[in-house]
Amino acid sequence: MASEQFCYELKITKDRIAVLIGKKGEVKKELESLTKTKIQVDSKEGDVAIYGDDGLSLYNAREIVKAIGRGFNPELAKLLLKQDYSLEIISIDEYARNRNDSERVKGRLIGREGKARKTMETLTECYISVYGKTVSIIGETSKVITAKTAVERLLLGSRHGNIYKWLEKRHKEFRKRELLGEKIE
């Protein structure tokens, strides 16, 4: 009996196509091998089609392609192959009042010389990419939820110091639970 093929189609920005394909197609080939899928890229339009006969592999490939499209390097995007890792994408436009406000809000997320983003990454143990009109987060699912909350609070106007204090408290709680061997939710 022939296996059924499934397909996901998505768009990524043209400037991320080269990152998805990689030198001599190496990144694309590696992703196809790791996820047992076939990836077709239309580099003129930014269309990506992912084919496969296993739903989970197809989903993993799609999440990795989305992560690369949202500014992550392929090595970080491949973390999504781990069972307890996830990708969260937040639209900045939902929090900005207008185009100028969108730039200001992005600036708040990144901080001077990337300090705000780096601090949030350290305290949440997640990776954060501010790219285009989105903020994307990769990490262990339980920690991604914390990072998402912190990002949304910043987008809503909370002070950096308050966010960092809250994250430090959460970080200590995570450490304590991990040391005790508790499941973190």
C-alpha atoms as a PDB file:
ATOM      1  CA  MET A   1       0.000   0.000   0.000  1.00  0.00           C
ATOM      2  CA  ALA A   2       1.436   3.392  -1.020  1.00  0.00           C
ATOM      3  CA  SER A   3       1.931   5.935   1.723  1.00  0.00           C
ATOM      4  CA  GLU A   4      -0.021   9.172   1.538  1.00  0.00           C
ATOM      5  CA  GLN A   5       1.931  12.385   0.965  1.00  0.00           C
ATOM      6  CA  PHE A   6       1.144  15.601   2.814  1.00  0.00           C
ATOM      7  CA  CYS A   7       2.259  19.124   2.039  1.00  0.00           C
ATOM      8  CA  TYR A   8       2.712  22.370   3.938  1.00  0.00           C
ATOM      9  CA  GLU A   9       3.112  25.610   2.028  1.00  0.00           C
ATOM     10  CA  LEU A  10       4.449  28.790   3.576  1.00  0.00           C
ATOM     11  CA  LYS A  11       6.107  32.036   2.598  1.00  0.00           C
ATOM     12  CA  ILE A  12       9.338  33.446   3.945  1.00  0.00           C
ATOM     13  CA  THR A  13      10.991  36.748   3.090  1.00  0.00           C
ATOM     14  CA  LYS A  14      13.288  36.640   0.083  1.00  0.00           C
ATOM     15  CA  ASP A  15      16.309  37.723   2.130  1.00  0.00           C
ATOM     16  CA  ARG A  16      15.956  34.560   4.290  1.00  0.00           C
ATOM     17  CA  ILE A  17      15.769  32.159   1.310  1.00  0.00           C
ATOM     18  CA  ALA A  18      19.580  31.995   0.991  1.00  0.00           C
ATOM     19  CA  VAL A  19      19.844  31.120   4.699  1.00  0.00           C
ATOM     20  CA  LEU A  20      17.274  28.328   4.277  1.00  0.00           C
ATOM     21  CA  ILE A  21      19.059  26.883   1.263  1.00  0.00           C
ATOM     22  CA  GLY A  22      22.615  27.381   2.565  1.00  0.00           C
ATOM     23  CA  LYS A  23      25.903  27.122   0.675  1.00  0.00           C
ATOM     24  CA  LYS A  24      25.483  24.657  -2.197  1.00  0.00           C
ATOM     25  CA  GLY A  25      22.090  23.666  -0.762  1.00  0.00           C
ATOM     26  CA  GLU A  26      23.639  22.151   2.380  1.00  0.00           C
ATOM     27  CA  VAL A  27      21.123  23.549   4.926  1.00  0.00           C
ATOM     28  CA  LYS A  28      18.113  22.469   2.849  1.00  0.00           C
ATOM     29  CA  LYS A  29      19.592  18.984   2.295  1.00  0.00           C
ATOM     30  CA  GLU A  30      20.350  18.581   6.000  1.00  0.00           C
ATOM     31  CA  LEU A  31      16.803  19.645   6.982  1.00  0.00           C
ATOM     32  CA  GLU A  32      15.341  17.206   4.450  1.00  0.00           C
ATOM     33  CA  SER A  33      17.512  14.437   5.875  1.00  0.00           C
ATOM     34  CA  LEU A  34      16.753  15.240   9.537  1.00  0.00           C
ATOM     35  CA  THR A  35      13.001  15.535   8.980  1.00  0.00           C
ATOM     36  CA  LYS A  36      12.607  12.925   6.198  1.00  0.00           C
ATOM     37  CA  THR A  37      10.815  15.501   4.051  1.00  0.00           C
ATOM     38  CA  LYS A  38      11.300  17.107   0.654  1.00  0.00           C
ATOM     39  CA  ILE A  39      11.582  20.923   0.600  1.00  0.00           C
ATOM     40  CA  GLN A  40      10.956  22.928  -2.577  1.00  0.00           C
ATOM     41  CA  VAL A  41      11.884  26.608  -2.594  1.00  0.00           C
ATOM     42  CA  ASP A  42      10.761  29.253  -5.080  1.00  0.00           C
ATOM     43  CA  SER A  43      13.488  31.823  -4.447  1.00  0.00           C
ATOM     44  CA  LYS A  44      11.835  34.486  -6.613  1.00  0.00           C
ATOM     45  CA  GLU A  45       8.549  34.473  -4.670  1.00  0.00           C
ATOM     46  CA  GLY A  46       9.678  33.230  -1.249  1.00  0.00           C
ATOM     47  CA  ASP A  47       7.309  30.254  -1.423  1.00  0.00           C
ATOM     48  CA  VAL A  48       8.361  27.094   0.379  1.00  0.00           C
ATOM     49  CA  ALA A  49       6.584  23.760  -0.033  1.00  0.00           C
ATOM     50  CA  ILE A  50       7.381  20.890   2.331  1.00  0.00           C
ATOM     51  CA  TYR A  51       6.343  17.358   1.366  1.00  0.00           C
ATOM     52  CA  GLY A  52       6.352  14.237   3.487  1.00  0.00           C
ATOM     53  CA  ASP A  53       4.355  11.219   4.564  1.00  0.00           C
ATOM     54  CA  ASP A  54       4.756  11.627   8.330  1.00  0.00           C
ATOM     55  CA  GLY A  55       2.726  14.385   9.981  1.00  0.00           C
ATOM     56  CA  LEU A  56       5.149  14.983  12.862  1.00  0.00           C
ATOM     57  CA  SER A  57       8.201  15.202  10.581  1.00  0.00           C
ATOM     58  CA  LEU A  58       6.312  17.567   8.318  1.00  0.00           C
ATOM     59  CA  TYR A  59       5.318  19.735  11.286  1.00  0.00           C
ATOM     60  CA  ASN A  60       8.933  19.823  12.565  1.00  0.00           C
ATOM     61  CA  ALA A  61      10.230  20.810   9.118  1.00  0.00           C
ATOM     62  CA  ARG A  62       7.620  23.574   8.871  1.00  0.00           C
ATOM     63  CA  GLU A  63       8.510  24.968  12.316  1.00  0.00           C
ATOM     64  CA  ILE A  64      12.230  24.993  11.436  1.00  0.00           C
ATOM     65  CA  VAL A  65      11.572  26.741   8.111  1.00  0.00           C
ATOM     66  CA  LYS A  66       9.345  29.294   9.908  1.00  0.00           C
ATOM     67  CA  ALA A  67      12.095  29.915  12.499  1.00  0.00           C
ATOM     68  CA  ILE A  68      14.707  30.474   9.781  1.00  0.00           C
ATOM     69  CA  GLY A  69      12.240  32.785   8.019  1.00  0.00           C
ATOM     70  CA  ARG A  70      11.813  34.780  11.251  1.00  0.00           C
ATOM     71  CA  GLY A  71      15.545  35.482  11.609  1.00  0.00           C
ATOM     72  CA  PHE A  72      17.024  32.495  13.452  1.00  0.00           C
ATOM     73  CA  ASN A  73      20.122  30.803  12.128  1.00  0.00           C
ATOM     74  CA  PRO A  74      19.598  27.178  11.033  1.00  0.00           C
ATOM     75  CA  GLU A  75      21.544  25.740  13.995  1.00  0.00           C
ATOM     76  CA  LEU A  76      19.194  27.414  16.493  1.00  0.00           C
ATOM     77  CA  ALA A  77      16.139  26.522  14.381  1.00  0.00           C
ATOM     78  CA  LYS A  78      17.144  22.836  14.528  1.00  0.00           C
ATOM     79  CA  LEU A  79      16.611  22.918  18.303  1.00  0.00           C
ATOM     80  CA  LEU A  80      12.935  22.573  17.369  1.00  0.00           C
ATOM     81  CA  LEU A  81      13.631  18.922  16.584  1.00  0.00           C
ATOM     82  CA  LYS A  82      13.932  18.349  20.326  1.00  0.00           C
ATOM     83  CA  GLN A  83      10.670  17.060  21.773  1.00  0.00           C
ATOM     84  CA  ASP A  84      10.248  19.711  24.495  1.00  0.00           C
ATOM     85  CA  TYR A  85      11.214  22.746  22.353  1.00  0.00           C
ATOM     86  CA  SER A  86       8.808  25.105  20.638  1.00  0.00           C
ATOM     87  CA  LEU A  87       8.610  28.249  18.532  1.00  0.00           C
ATOM     88  CA  GLU A  88       6.438  31.218  19.462  1.00  0.00           C
ATOM     89  CA  ILE A  89       5.892  34.130  17.049  1.00  0.00           C
ATOM     90  CA  ILE A  90       4.437  37.418  18.299  1.00  0.00           C
ATOM     91  CA  SER A  91       3.241  40.160  15.944  1.00  0.00           C
ATOM     92  CA  ILE A  92       4.647  43.560  16.945  1.00  0.00           C
ATOM     93  CA  ASP A  93       1.895  45.315  14.951  1.00  0.00           C
ATOM     94  CA  GLU A  94      -0.724  44.037  17.404  1.00  0.00           C
ATOM     95  CA  TYR A  95       0.945  46.140  20.108  1.00  0.00           C
ATOM     96  CA  ALA A  96       2.017  49.195  18.094  1.00  0.00           C
ATOM     97  CA  ARG A  97      -0.331  52.119  17.483  1.00  0.00           C
ATOM     98  CA  ASN A  98       1.254  53.061  14.144  1.00  0.00           C
ATOM     99  CA  ARG A  99       4.396  52.549  11.999  1.00  0.00           C
ATOM    100  CA  ASN A 100       6.575  54.915  14.075  1.00  0.00           C
ATOM    101  CA  ASP A 101       5.380  53.252  17.263  1.00  0.00           C
ATOM    102  CA  SER A 102       6.298  49.881  15.758  1.00  0.00           C
ATOM    103  CA  GLU A 103       9.934  51.003  15.407  1.00  0.00           C
ATOM    104  CA  ARG A 104       9.965  52.390  18.949  1.00  0.00           C
ATOM    105  CA  VAL A 105       8.546  49.163  20.353  1.00  0.00           C
ATOM    106  CA  LYS A 106      11.133  47.103  18.432  1.00  0.00           C
ATOM    107  CA  GLY A 107      13.821  49.334  19.907  1.00  0.00           C
ATOM    108  CA  ARG A 108      12.517  48.651  23.419  1.00  0.00           C
ATOM    109  CA  LEU A 109      12.660  44.898  22.805  1.00  0.00           C
ATOM    110  CA  ILE A 110      16.192  44.967  21.471  1.00  0.00           C
ATOM    111  CA  GLY A 111      17.562  47.641  23.814  1.00  0.00           C
ATOM    112  CA  ARG A 112      20.763  49.629  23.462  1.00  0.00           C
ATOM    113  CA  GLU A 113      23.339  47.417  21.718  1.00  0.00           C
ATOM    114  CA  GLY A 114      20.958  44.450  22.086  1.00  0.00           C
ATOM    115  CA  LYS A 115      21.108  44.506  25.888  1.00  0.00           C
ATOM    116  CA  ALA A 116      17.380  44.047  26.572  1.00  0.00           C
ATOM    117  CA  ARG A 117      17.113  41.070  24.224  1.00  0.00           C
ATOM    118  CA  LYS A 118      20.290  39.472  25.620  1.00  0.00           C
ATOM    119  CA  THR A 119      19.096  39.939  29.212  1.00  0.00           C
ATOM    120  CA  MET A 120      15.739  38.314  28.434  1.00  0.00           C
ATOM    121  CA  GLU A 121      17.496  35.454  26.626  1.00  0.00           C
ATOM    122  CA  THR A 122      19.768  34.838  29.617  1.00  0.00           C
ATOM    123  CA  LEU A 123      16.975  34.950  32.198  1.00  0.00           C
ATOM    124  CA  THR A 124      14.593  32.757  30.191  1.00  0.00           C
ATOM    125  CA  GLU A 125      17.191  30.434  28.635  1.00  0.00           C
ATOM    126  CA  CYS A 126      15.432  31.004  25.299  1.00  0.00           C
ATOM    127  CA  TYR A 127      16.564  32.500  22.004  1.00  0.00           C
ATOM    128  CA  ILE A 128      14.791  35.648  20.832  1.00  0.00           C
ATOM    129  CA  SER A 129      14.773  37.095  17.318  1.00  0.00           C
ATOM    130  CA  VAL A 130      13.313  40.508  16.519  1.00  0.00           C
ATOM    131  CA  TYR A 131      12.862  40.441  12.753  1.00  0.00           C
ATOM    132  CA  GLY A 132      10.558  42.449  10.541  1.00  0.00           C
ATOM    133  CA  LYS A 133       7.213  42.875  12.277  1.00  0.00           C
ATOM    134  CA  THR A 134       7.638  39.927  14.648  1.00  0.00           C
ATOM    135  CA  VAL A 135       9.395  38.739  17.776  1.00  0.00           C
ATOM    136  CA  SER A 136      10.109  35.022  17.758  1.00  0.00           C
ATOM    137  CA  ILE A 137      11.177  32.794  20.630  1.00  0.00           C
ATOM    138  CA  ILE A 138      12.760  29.326  20.590  1.00  0.00           C
ATOM    139  CA  GLY A 139      13.308  27.321  23.745  1.00  0.00           C
ATOM    140  CA  GLU A 140      11.936  24.685  26.058  1.00  0.00           C
ATOM    141  CA  THR A 141       8.163  25.072  25.943  1.00  0.00           C
ATOM    142  CA  SER A 142       7.797  25.935  29.647  1.00  0.00           C
ATOM    143  CA  LYS A 143      10.462  28.641  29.332  1.00  0.00           C
ATOM    144  CA  VAL A 144       9.048  29.968  26.046  1.00  0.00           C
ATOM    145  CA  ILE A 145       5.794  30.718  27.893  1.00  0.00           C
ATOM    146  CA  THR A 146       7.731  32.842  30.411  1.00  0.00           C
ATOM    147  CA  ALA A 147       9.686  34.603  27.639  1.00  0.00           C
ATOM    148  CA  LYS A 148       6.458  35.304  25.721  1.00  0.00           C
ATOM    149  CA  THR A 149       4.885  36.869  28.808  1.00  0.00           C
ATOM    150  CA  ALA A 150       7.970  39.069  29.330  1.00  0.00           C
ATOM    151  CA  VAL A 151       7.993  40.165  25.670  1.00  0.00           C
ATOM    152  CA  GLU A 152       4.264  40.953  25.719  1.00  0.00           C
ATOM    153  CA  ARG A 153       4.637  42.971  28.935  1.00  0.00           C
ATOM    154  CA  LEU A 154       7.453  44.993  27.335  1.00  0.00           C
ATOM    155  CA  LEU A 155       5.326  45.502  24.222  1.00  0.00           C
ATOM    156  CA  LEU A 156       2.524  46.795  26.445  1.00  0.00           C
ATOM    157  CA  GLY A 157       4.886  49.348  28.018  1.00  0.00           C
ATOM    158  CA  SER A 158       6.131  47.741  31.250  1.00  0.00           C
ATOM    159  CA  ARG A 159       9.480  49.009  32.491  1.00  0.00           C
ATOM    160  CA  HIS A 160      12.544  46.935  31.689  1.00  0.00           C
ATOM    161  CA  GLY A 161      13.550  46.802  35.360  1.00  0.00           C
ATOM    162  CA  ASN A 162      10.192  45.364  36.396  1.00  0.00           C
ATOM    163  CA  ILE A 163      10.369  42.726  33.667  1.00  0.00           C
ATOM    164  CA  TYR A 164      13.934  41.756  34.654  1.00  0.00           C
ATOM    165  CA  LYS A 165      12.952  41.447  38.341  1.00  0.00           C
ATOM    166  CA  TRP A 166      10.023  39.226  37.439  1.00  0.00           C
ATOM    167  CA  LEU A 167      12.229  37.126  35.118  1.00  0.00           C
ATOM    168  CA  GLU A 168      14.925  36.764  37.795  1.00  0.00           C
ATOM    169  CA  LYS A 169      12.298  35.463  40.210  1.00  0.00           C
ATOM    170  CA  ARG A 170      10.972  32.993  37.597  1.00  0.00           C
ATOM    171  CA  HIS A 171      14.547  31.963  36.730  1.00  0.00           C
ATOM    172  CA  LYS A 172      15.271  31.129  40.383  1.00  0.00           C
ATOM    173  CA  GLU A 173      12.019  29.134  40.578  1.00  0.00           C
ATOM    174  CA  PHE A 174      12.994  27.151  37.454  1.00  0.00           C
ATOM    175  CA  ARG A 175      16.474  26.441  38.882  1.00  0.00           C
ATOM    176  CA  LYS A 176      15.032  25.296  42.200  1.00  0.00           C
ATOM    177  CA  ARG A 177      12.490  22.994  40.518  1.00  0.00           C
ATOM    178  CA  GLU A 178      15.128  21.562  38.180  1.00  0.00           C
ATOM    179  CA  LEU A 179      17.419  20.834  41.142  1.00  0.00           C
ATOM    180  CA  LEU A 180      14.536  19.072  42.893  1.00  0.00           C
ATOM    181  CA  GLY A 181      13.776  17.141  39.711  1.00  0.00           C
ATOM    182  CA  GLU A 182      10.255  18.551  39.388  1.00  0.00           C
ATOM    183  CA  LYS A 183       8.445  18.766  36.078  1.00  0.00           C
ATOM    184  CA  ILE A 184       8.175  22.411  35.011  1.00  0.00           C
ATOM    185  CA  GLU A 185       4.939  23.590  33.445  1.00  0.00           C
END
